[in-house]
């Protein structure tokens, strides 16, 4: 009498769990492959390990004796796989968002005198409209083609204010960043004017990355922080200008901060200006101006704004800095349109996003001014890096990346970013980070943006500037500069 082997009956729940485990394994490996942050040998090892683990779990779930324990382990693994897919997908989306550089946003405002009868754009048709002389022609095409008005006069940024106040023009078409400058240097200008129309225009970003193999060669990154909220692509004054020099071979980084009032040669204008003003002429002008100042080549840039810092600090649960000097800062919260007073004690202090921004922006109460502010900015950046690179960040990882979308951009390609990450995963090793703040002498001088009035500037200390160049060269070339 022949005997037949009994078919193993698998409960539907176990069957669905096995199928789910296999499908999630394939999806997770696919997302990790597309993300491209693991070295290939690591990825192959991961594939083999996952195949073995999933195969063993399915085998043990089929066996009645080991079904309960293996099912519990499988359930936990399914949760881990789902989290892995979520984190990997979020990372991929984040890298896509920050490297999708191609345009800058020009925010324009149409100003008239506060006591005028003009209420909208149609009221100034056939009137005299003034613009700044550097405004792109493309910005005017929309209005002239549609018959709103014709541009009649061009002025320097400084002359814009007097042209309107003295009645030389009926209205001004001006970048919001230039309007901020006028409000800063003409105390009564804001109270005597009002905005009757505003619009935004996207223009092509002409900053070309100077690509190199970031896993083998040293490179320079310009970190530029603009003094505005909201859209990261907006042109505005640069509040933070820091060159990050990275040597992947020696595992060394030097952070070189340049004060916002540094008196520099404005690229392409044959004139000098404050570094903060350079930002309103575009990222390309900023990059080339700093390249000329430091005699270096900047390979990539990273651009962020106030919203970026607030969001990242809040997303990681705040930061802790060792504050060397107690101080109180009167901080203007632009989104809330109110002044807030912050007091920072000496020693280790905890900061949320708004507090971190106020801590990093204050300069007027310090005798060192911009120098002290640059040092505080470096304290904040180091604290953020410490928190971001700590193991505890994993539970906040998804929120962190989502918070940075659209407030943080770079012209370094996703491929080069992931190649650098792969190298760090494979080679490991902690970087030695050095800080450097360029110094100078306080003075008043004419600038390109304001040719008729002397503004506060910082004249570079040539000896200290040379020391800064030498330190960058030492890290970049892994040898002392011969200058």
Protein backbone atom coordinates (compact mmCIF):
# COMPACT_ATOMS: atom_id res chain seq x y z
CA UNK A 1 0.00 0.00 0.00
CA UNK A 2 1.60 3.26 -1.12
CA UNK A 3 1.75 6.25 1.12
CA UNK A 4 1.60 9.83 -0.02
CA UNK A 5 3.33 12.75 1.64
CA UNK A 6 0.89 15.04 3.25
CA UNK A 7 0.82 18.53 1.83
CA UNK A 8 1.89 21.13 4.29
CA UNK A 9 -1.01 23.39 5.02
CA UNK A 10 0.04 26.97 5.64
CA UNK A 11 -2.36 29.29 7.44
CA UNK A 12 -3.43 32.24 5.25
CA UNK A 13 -1.86 34.70 7.70
CA UNK A 14 1.54 33.03 7.39
CA UNK A 15 1.20 32.84 3.59
CA UNK A 16 0.46 36.57 3.33
CA UNK A 17 3.31 37.37 5.71
CA UNK A 18 5.76 35.42 3.54
CA UNK A 19 4.56 37.18 0.39
CA UNK A 20 4.73 40.58 2.12
CA UNK A 21 8.24 39.88 3.35
CA UNK A 22 9.46 38.98 -0.14
CA UNK A 23 7.79 41.97 -1.81
CA UNK A 24 9.14 44.45 0.77
CA UNK A 25 12.63 42.94 0.42
CA UNK A 26 12.58 43.56 -3.33
CA UNK A 27 11.22 47.11 -2.93
CA UNK A 28 13.77 48.01 -0.24
CA UNK A 29 16.69 46.70 -2.30
CA UNK A 30 15.37 48.57 -5.34
CA UNK A 31 15.11 51.87 -3.48
CA UNK A 32 18.58 51.44 -1.94
CA UNK A 33 20.00 50.66 -5.39
CA UNK A 34 18.41 53.81 -6.86
CA UNK A 35 19.60 55.88 -3.90
CA UNK A 36 23.13 54.74 -4.72
CA UNK A 37 24.73 55.49 -1.34
CA UNK A 38 26.11 52.01 -0.66
CA UNK A 39 29.37 50.79 -2.23
CA UNK A 40 28.63 47.93 -4.65
CA UNK A 41 30.34 45.27 -2.54
CA UNK A 42 28.29 46.43 0.45
CA UNK A 43 25.12 46.29 -1.64
CA UNK A 44 25.86 42.77 -2.89
CA UNK A 45 26.52 41.69 0.69
CA UNK A 46 23.22 43.26 1.76
CA UNK A 47 21.36 41.39 -0.99
CA UNK A 48 22.89 38.07 0.07
CA UNK A 49 22.15 38.67 3.75
CA UNK A 50 18.53 39.68 3.06
CA UNK A 51 17.95 36.66 0.80
CA UNK A 52 19.33 34.32 3.46
CA UNK A 53 17.33 35.92 6.29
CA UNK A 54 14.07 35.98 4.35
CA UNK A 55 14.59 32.42 3.11
CA UNK A 56 15.27 31.11 6.60
CA UNK A 57 12.28 32.93 8.08
CA UNK A 58 9.95 31.53 5.40
CA UNK A 59 11.34 28.03 5.99
CA UNK A 60 10.84 28.27 9.75
CA UNK A 61 7.35 29.74 9.36
CA UNK A 62 6.34 26.71 7.29
CA UNK A 63 7.49 24.45 10.13
CA UNK A 64 4.81 24.27 12.81
CA UNK A 65 7.31 23.91 15.63
CA UNK A 66 9.12 27.15 14.82
CA UNK A 67 6.21 29.03 13.28
CA UNK A 68 5.37 31.24 16.26
CA UNK A 69 8.86 32.58 16.92
CA UNK A 70 9.72 33.02 13.23
CA UNK A 71 6.40 34.81 12.62
CA UNK A 72 7.14 37.30 15.38
CA UNK A 73 10.61 37.91 13.98
CA UNK A 74 9.13 38.30 10.48
CA UNK A 75 6.60 40.82 11.74
CA UNK A 76 9.37 42.90 13.32
CA UNK A 77 11.42 42.63 10.11
CA UNK A 78 8.46 43.81 8.02
CA UNK A 79 8.25 46.94 10.18
CA UNK A 80 12.02 47.47 9.77
CA UNK A 81 11.71 47.07 5.99
CA UNK A 82 8.84 49.56 5.82
CA UNK A 83 10.87 52.09 7.80
CA UNK A 84 13.87 51.41 5.57
CA UNK A 85 11.78 52.04 2.45
CA UNK A 86 10.36 55.22 3.98
CA UNK A 87 13.76 56.58 4.99
CA UNK A 88 15.41 55.64 1.68
CA UNK A 89 12.57 57.18 -0.36
CA UNK A 90 12.66 60.35 1.76
CA UNK A 91 16.42 60.60 1.27
CA UNK A 92 16.06 60.16 -2.48
CA UNK A 93 13.38 62.85 -2.65
CA UNK A 94 15.47 65.20 -0.53
CA UNK A 95 18.55 64.79 -2.74
CA UNK A 96 16.41 65.43 -5.80
CA UNK A 97 14.96 68.60 -4.28
CA UNK A 98 18.25 70.17 -3.16
CA UNK A 99 20.11 69.38 -6.41
CA UNK A 100 17.33 70.55 -8.70
CA UNK A 101 19.08 73.86 -9.34
CA UNK A 102 18.34 75.74 -12.50
CA UNK A 103 16.80 79.10 -11.72
CA UNK A 104 16.76 81.99 -9.30
CA UNK A 105 13.67 83.90 -8.25
CA UNK A 106 13.53 87.67 -8.65
CA UNK A 107 10.91 89.25 -6.40
CA UNK A 108 9.82 92.68 -7.63
CA UNK A 109 7.77 95.40 -5.98
CA UNK A 110 6.18 98.48 -7.52
CA UNK A 111 6.57 101.42 -5.11
CA UNK A 112 4.83 104.76 -5.00
CA UNK A 113 4.77 107.59 -2.49
CA UNK A 114 2.48 106.91 0.44
CA UNK A 115 0.43 110.06 -0.11
CA UNK A 116 -0.06 109.50 -3.85
CA UNK A 117 -3.40 108.58 -5.45
CA UNK A 118 -2.01 105.46 -7.17
CA UNK A 119 -3.67 102.25 -5.96
CA UNK A 120 -2.72 99.61 -8.53
CA UNK A 121 -0.54 98.94 -11.56
CA UNK A 122 -3.07 100.40 -14.01
CA UNK A 123 -2.97 103.78 -12.25
CA UNK A 124 0.67 104.31 -13.25
CA UNK A 125 0.12 103.62 -16.95
CA UNK A 126 1.78 106.33 -19.04
CA UNK A 127 3.57 107.57 -15.91
CA UNK A 128 7.32 107.83 -15.34
CA UNK A 129 8.65 104.55 -13.95
CA UNK A 130 12.17 104.26 -12.52
CA UNK A 131 14.20 101.05 -12.27
CA UNK A 132 17.63 100.14 -11.04
CA UNK A 133 20.18 100.12 -13.85
CA UNK A 134 21.11 96.46 -13.31
CA UNK A 135 17.57 95.08 -13.70
CA UNK A 136 17.42 92.33 -16.39
CA UNK A 137 15.61 93.37 -19.57
CA UNK A 138 13.48 90.21 -19.38
CA UNK A 139 11.88 91.54 -16.21
CA UNK A 140 10.44 94.48 -18.11
CA UNK A 141 9.16 92.66 -21.19
CA UNK A 142 5.98 91.45 -19.50
CA UNK A 143 4.85 94.96 -18.62
CA UNK A 144 5.88 96.76 -21.77
CA UNK A 145 4.40 94.07 -24.06
CA UNK A 146 1.09 94.05 -22.18
CA UNK A 147 0.94 97.83 -22.15
CA UNK A 148 1.08 98.39 -18.39
CA UNK A 149 3.76 101.05 -18.65
CA UNK A 150 7.09 101.89 -20.26
CA UNK A 151 10.32 102.25 -18.31
CA UNK A 152 11.44 105.85 -18.48
CA UNK A 153 14.50 106.23 -16.25
CA UNK A 154 17.32 104.07 -14.87
CA UNK A 155 19.13 104.83 -11.61
CA UNK A 156 21.77 103.45 -9.32
CA UNK A 157 20.31 101.70 -6.25
CA UNK A 158 21.03 104.71 -4.08
CA UNK A 159 19.47 107.20 -6.48
CA UNK A 160 16.23 105.22 -6.55
CA UNK A 161 15.18 106.63 -3.18
CA UNK A 162 15.80 110.28 -4.03
CA UNK A 163 14.26 109.91 -7.50
CA UNK A 164 10.94 108.91 -5.97
CA UNK A 165 11.03 111.22 -2.95
CA UNK A 166 11.97 114.22 -5.12
CA UNK A 167 9.24 113.53 -7.69
CA UNK A 168 11.57 112.65 -10.58
CA UNK A 169 9.55 109.49 -11.15
CA UNK A 170 5.99 108.45 -10.27
CA UNK A 171 6.85 104.91 -9.25
CA UNK A 172 9.78 102.51 -8.81
CA UNK A 173 10.06 98.90 -10.02
CA UNK A 174 12.55 97.40 -7.60
CA UNK A 175 13.81 94.07 -6.26
CA UNK A 176 12.62 93.37 -2.72
CA UNK A 177 16.27 92.97 -1.65
CA UNK A 178 17.06 96.46 -2.97
CA UNK A 179 14.00 97.78 -1.15
CA UNK A 180 15.42 96.30 2.06
CA UNK A 181 18.70 98.11 1.45
CA UNK A 182 16.92 101.42 0.90
CA UNK A 183 14.91 100.95 4.11
CA UNK A 184 18.12 100.24 5.99
CA UNK A 185 20.01 103.31 4.78
CA UNK A 186 17.13 105.77 4.49
CA UNK A 187 15.37 105.84 7.85
CA UNK A 188 12.14 107.45 6.64
CA UNK A 189 11.96 105.76 3.24
CA UNK A 190 9.63 102.93 4.31
CA UNK A 191 7.25 105.28 6.10
CA UNK A 192 6.98 107.50 3.00
CA UNK A 193 6.35 104.73 0.45
CA UNK A 194 4.00 101.83 -0.14
CA UNK A 195 3.80 98.80 -2.44
CA UNK A 196 0.91 98.71 -4.94
CA UNK A 197 1.97 95.63 -6.92
CA UNK A 198 4.44 92.76 -6.66
CA UNK A 199 5.40 89.74 -8.75
CA UNK A 200 8.10 87.07 -9.02
CA UNK A 201 10.13 86.06 -12.05
CA UNK A 202 12.31 83.01 -12.56
CA UNK A 203 15.60 83.52 -14.38
CA UNK A 204 18.17 80.94 -15.42
CA UNK A 205 20.93 80.28 -12.91
CA UNK A 206 24.24 80.50 -14.77
CA UNK A 207 26.48 79.17 -11.98
CA UNK A 208 28.29 76.17 -13.45
CA UNK A 209 29.71 73.61 -11.06
CA UNK A 210 33.44 72.91 -11.46
CA UNK A 211 33.09 69.18 -11.18
CA UNK A 212 35.82 66.93 -9.82
CA UNK A 213 35.95 63.48 -8.26
CA UNK A 214 34.95 64.40 -4.70
CA UNK A 215 36.11 60.99 -3.44
CA UNK A 216 39.72 61.56 -4.50
CA UNK A 217 40.32 65.31 -4.87
CA UNK A 218 39.98 68.28 -2.54
CA UNK A 219 37.15 70.71 -3.23
CA UNK A 220 35.75 74.05 -2.06
CA UNK A 221 32.09 74.71 -1.28
CA UNK A 222 30.66 78.19 -0.80
CA UNK A 223 27.97 78.20 1.88
CA UNK A 224 25.80 81.27 1.32
CA UNK A 225 23.02 82.27 3.70
CA UNK A 226 20.65 84.96 2.45
CA UNK A 227 18.83 87.32 4.79
CA UNK A 228 15.30 86.38 3.85
CA UNK A 229 12.54 83.89 4.58
CA UNK A 230 10.52 81.73 2.22
CA UNK A 231 11.69 80.93 -1.32
CA UNK A 232 15.31 79.81 -1.28
CA UNK A 233 15.93 80.88 -4.87
CA UNK A 234 15.25 84.55 -4.10
CA UNK A 235 18.06 87.02 -4.72
CA UNK A 236 18.92 88.90 -1.55
CA UNK A 237 21.79 90.15 0.57
CA UNK A 238 24.12 87.41 1.77
CA UNK A 239 24.27 87.35 5.56
CA UNK A 240 26.55 84.31 5.74
CA UNK A 241 29.48 83.61 3.44
CA UNK A 242 31.61 80.63 4.40
CA UNK A 243 34.05 78.62 2.28
CA UNK A 244 34.23 74.95 3.27
CA UNK A 245 37.46 73.35 2.08
CA UNK A 246 37.32 69.54 2.15
CA UNK A 247 40.24 67.16 1.71
CA UNK A 248 38.80 63.62 1.52
CA UNK A 249 42.27 62.07 1.55
CA UNK A 250 43.55 63.63 4.78
CA UNK A 251 40.08 63.82 6.37
CA UNK A 252 40.46 67.52 7.07
CA UNK A 253 38.06 70.45 6.70
CA UNK A 254 38.59 74.16 7.21
CA UNK A 255 35.65 76.55 7.59
CA UNK A 256 36.59 80.07 6.44
CA UNK A 257 34.02 82.71 7.38
CA UNK A 258 34.05 86.06 5.59
CA UNK A 259 32.34 89.01 7.36
CA UNK A 260 29.29 90.41 5.56
CA UNK A 261 30.76 93.95 5.56
CA UNK A 262 34.05 92.88 3.95
CA UNK A 263 35.05 95.49 1.35
CA UNK A 264 35.64 93.45 -1.81
CA UNK A 265 36.12 93.89 -5.55
CA UNK A 266 32.69 93.26 -7.05
CA UNK A 267 33.17 90.85 -9.94
CA UNK A 268 32.37 92.25 -13.39
CA UNK A 269 31.68 95.80 -12.14
CA UNK A 270 35.20 97.26 -11.78
CA UNK A 271 34.16 98.63 -8.39
CA UNK A 272 34.12 97.74 -4.69
CA UNK A 273 31.14 96.87 -2.52
CA UNK A 274 30.20 95.24 0.76
CA UNK A 275 30.12 91.47 0.46
CA UNK A 276 26.54 91.42 1.78
CA UNK A 277 25.39 93.50 -1.22
CA UNK A 278 27.01 91.12 -3.71
CA UNK A 279 24.15 88.64 -3.17
CA UNK A 280 21.61 90.88 -4.93
CA UNK A 281 23.60 90.58 -8.16
CA UNK A 282 23.22 86.80 -8.30
CA UNK A 283 24.96 83.64 -7.16
CA UNK A 284 27.43 83.69 -10.04
CA UNK A 285 28.69 87.15 -9.04
CA UNK A 286 28.98 86.03 -5.41
CA UNK A 287 30.99 82.93 -6.33
CA UNK A 288 33.38 84.77 -8.64
CA UNK A 289 33.85 87.66 -6.20
CA UNK A 290 34.93 85.29 -3.42
CA UNK A 291 37.11 83.28 -5.81
CA UNK A 292 39.00 86.48 -6.65
CA UNK A 293 39.22 87.48 -2.98
CA UNK A 294 40.76 84.19 -1.84
CA UNK A 295 42.57 83.19 -5.06
CA UNK A 296 40.77 79.84 -5.11
CA UNK A 297 38.39 77.88 -7.30
CA UNK A 298 34.96 77.25 -5.81
CA UNK A 299 33.63 73.93 -7.08
CA UNK A 300 30.13 74.03 -5.64
CA UNK A 301 27.80 76.20 -3.62
CA UNK A 302 25.16 75.57 -0.99
CA UNK A 303 22.47 78.19 -0.50
CA UNK A 304 20.07 78.50 2.41
CA UNK A 305 17.99 81.16 4.15
CA UNK A 306 16.56 81.97 7.58
CA UNK A 307 13.73 79.47 7.17
CA UNK A 308 16.30 76.73 6.55
CA UNK A 309 18.08 77.24 9.87
CA UNK A 310 14.88 77.52 11.89
CA UNK A 311 13.42 74.37 10.37
CA UNK A 312 16.51 72.19 10.67
CA UNK A 313 17.17 73.14 14.31
CA UNK A 314 13.55 72.50 15.26
CA UNK A 315 13.48 69.25 13.28
CA UNK A 316 16.44 67.81 15.21
CA UNK A 317 14.98 68.84 18.55
CA UNK A 318 17.13 71.92 19.15
CA UNK A 319 20.88 72.29 19.60
CA UNK A 320 23.32 73.02 22.40
CA UNK A 321 26.16 75.53 22.09
CA UNK A 322 28.90 76.59 24.47
CA UNK A 323 28.38 80.35 24.51
CA UNK A 324 31.60 82.19 25.51
CA UNK A 325 29.88 85.55 26.12
CA UNK A 326 26.52 86.34 27.69
CA UNK A 327 24.42 88.82 25.69
CA UNK A 328 20.90 90.00 24.95
CA UNK A 329 19.66 90.34 21.38
CA UNK A 330 16.70 92.33 20.08
CA UNK A 331 15.56 90.16 17.19
CA UNK A 332 12.98 91.15 14.58
CA UNK A 333 10.76 88.20 13.76
CA UNK A 334 9.74 89.07 10.19
CA UNK A 335 7.01 86.41 9.71
CA UNK A 336 5.33 87.53 12.94
CA UNK A 337 6.17 91.21 12.33
CA UNK A 338 7.31 91.79 15.89
CA UNK A 339 10.46 92.40 17.93
CA UNK A 340 11.55 89.68 20.34
CA UNK A 341 14.21 89.96 23.05
CA UNK A 342 16.45 86.94 23.64
CA UNK A 343 18.92 86.60 26.51
CA UNK A 344 21.76 84.11 26.07
CA UNK A 345 23.67 83.10 29.19
CA UNK A 346 27.37 82.26 29.23
CA UNK A 347 28.20 78.56 29.06
CA UNK A 348 26.25 75.68 27.56
CA UNK A 349 22.80 76.76 26.39
CA UNK A 350 20.02 75.02 24.50
CA UNK A 351 18.49 76.75 21.48
CA UNK A 352 15.40 76.14 19.37
CA UNK A 353 15.16 77.32 15.76
CA UNK A 354 14.21 80.94 16.39
CA UNK A 355 16.75 81.26 19.22
CA UNK A 356 19.51 79.75 17.05
CA UNK A 357 18.78 82.30 14.30
CA UNK A 358 18.82 85.21 16.77
CA UNK A 359 22.06 83.88 18.30
CA UNK A 360 23.70 83.59 14.86
CA UNK A 361 22.55 87.00 13.56
CA UNK A 362 23.41 89.38 16.40
CA UNK A 363 26.42 91.62 15.77
CA UNK A 364 25.66 95.21 16.74
CA UNK A 365 26.12 94.80 20.50
CA UNK A 366 29.56 93.23 20.13
CA UNK A 367 32.76 95.26 19.92
CA UNK A 368 34.00 92.74 17.33
CA UNK A 369 30.82 93.15 15.28
CA UNK A 370 30.81 90.83 12.28
CA UNK A 371 33.82 88.90 13.57
CA UNK A 372 31.91 87.86 16.69
CA UNK A 373 28.84 87.04 14.65
CA UNK A 374 30.87 84.80 12.31
CA UNK A 375 32.24 82.95 15.33
CA UNK A 376 28.73 82.44 16.71
CA UNK A 377 27.56 81.22 13.31
CA UNK A 378 30.30 78.62 13.34
CA UNK A 379 29.23 77.52 16.83
CA UNK A 380 25.69 76.99 15.52
CA UNK A 381 26.84 75.12 12.40
CA UNK A 382 29.13 72.84 14.44
CA UNK A 383 26.32 72.11 16.90
CA UNK A 384 23.94 71.27 14.07
CA UNK A 385 26.52 68.93 12.53
CA UNK A 386 27.13 67.23 15.88
CA UNK A 387 23.40 66.62 16.31
CA UNK A 388 22.81 65.53 12.71
CA UNK A 389 25.71 63.05 12.78
CA UNK A 390 24.71 61.53 16.13
CA UNK A 391 22.97 58.10 16.23
CA UNK A 392 19.96 59.62 18.01
CA UNK A 393 18.97 61.51 14.85
CA UNK A 394 17.63 58.32 13.25
CA UNK A 395 14.24 58.71 14.98
CA UNK A 396 13.92 62.24 13.55
CA UNK A 397 15.53 61.51 10.21
CA UNK A 398 12.39 61.64 8.06
CA UNK A 399 11.13 64.88 9.63
CA UNK A 400 14.59 66.42 9.27
CA UNK A 401 14.78 65.84 5.53
CA UNK A 402 11.19 66.92 4.92
CA UNK A 403 11.80 70.14 6.84
CA UNK A 404 14.68 71.05 4.53
CA UNK A 405 12.85 70.65 1.24
CA UNK A 406 12.77 73.90 -0.77
CA UNK A 407 14.91 75.76 1.78
CA UNK A 408 18.29 74.33 0.86
CA UNK A 409 19.84 73.97 -2.61
CA UNK A 410 23.22 73.12 -4.11
CA UNK A 411 24.72 72.80 -7.58
CA UNK A 412 26.59 69.66 -6.54
CA UNK A 413 24.93 66.80 -8.41
CA UNK A 414 23.12 64.00 -6.63
CA UNK A 415 25.62 61.54 -8.10
CA UNK A 416 28.58 63.33 -6.54
CA UNK A 417 26.83 63.63 -3.20
CA UNK A 418 26.06 59.91 -3.15
CA UNK A 419 29.59 59.05 -4.31
CA UNK A 420 30.96 61.03 -1.38
CA UNK A 421 28.58 59.26 1.01
CA UNK A 422 29.63 55.86 -0.39
CA UNK A 423 33.27 56.72 0.16
CA UNK A 424 32.60 57.75 3.75
CA UNK A 425 30.64 54.56 4.43
CA UNK A 426 33.47 52.44 3.05
CA UNK A 427 36.51 54.31 4.34
CA UNK A 428 35.07 55.80 7.53
CA UNK A 429 37.22 58.08 9.64
CA UNK A 430 36.35 61.27 11.48
CA UNK A 431 37.15 64.63 9.94
CA UNK A 432 39.32 67.16 11.72
CA UNK A 433 37.51 70.51 11.45
CA UNK A 434 39.31 73.85 11.83
CA UNK A 435 37.60 77.25 12.00
CA UNK A 436 38.89 80.50 10.54
CA UNK A 437 37.29 83.96 10.57
CA UNK A 438 38.82 86.64 8.34
CA UNK A 439 39.38 89.98 10.02
CA UNK A 440 39.78 93.60 9.02
CA UNK A 441 39.56 97.24 10.00
CA UNK A 442 36.33 99.20 10.42
CA UNK A 443 35.94 102.11 8.02
CA UNK A 444 33.46 104.04 5.87
CA UNK A 445 33.72 103.98 2.09
CA UNK A 446 31.78 104.44 -1.15
CA UNK A 447 30.30 101.27 -2.61
CA UNK A 448 29.00 100.19 -6.00
CA UNK A 449 25.46 99.89 -4.65
CA UNK A 450 25.65 103.34 -2.98
CA UNK A 451 28.17 105.44 -4.94
CA UNK A 452 27.18 108.77 -3.38
CA UNK A 453 27.26 107.91 0.33
CA UNK A 454 29.90 106.34 2.50
CA UNK A 455 28.75 103.16 4.23
CA UNK A 456 30.27 101.15 7.05
CA UNK A 457 32.66 98.54 5.64
CA UNK A 458 35.46 96.28 6.87
CA UNK A 459 38.76 96.78 5.06
CA UNK A 460 40.47 93.35 4.79
CA UNK A 461 43.59 92.84 6.87
CA UNK A 462 45.99 91.78 4.13
CA UNK A 463 48.26 89.81 6.44
CA UNK A 464 45.36 87.95 7.99
CA UNK A 465 43.80 87.44 4.56
CA UNK A 466 47.06 85.87 3.39
CA UNK A 467 47.04 83.58 6.44
CA UNK A 468 43.54 82.52 5.47
CA UNK A 469 44.62 81.75 1.91
CA UNK A 470 47.58 79.76 3.24
CA UNK A 471 45.37 77.72 5.57
CA UNK A 472 42.98 76.91 2.72
CA UNK A 473 45.92 75.88 0.52
CA UNK A 474 47.40 73.77 3.32
CA UNK A 475 44.20 71.75 3.63
CA UNK A 476 43.46 71.72 -0.09
CA UNK A 477 46.91 70.62 -1.24
CA UNK A 478 47.96 68.90 2.01
CA UNK A 479 51.03 71.08 2.23
CA UNK A 480 52.03 74.54 3.38
CA UNK A 481 51.46 77.32 0.89
CA UNK A 482 54.59 78.82 -0.66
CA UNK A 483 53.10 82.32 -0.69
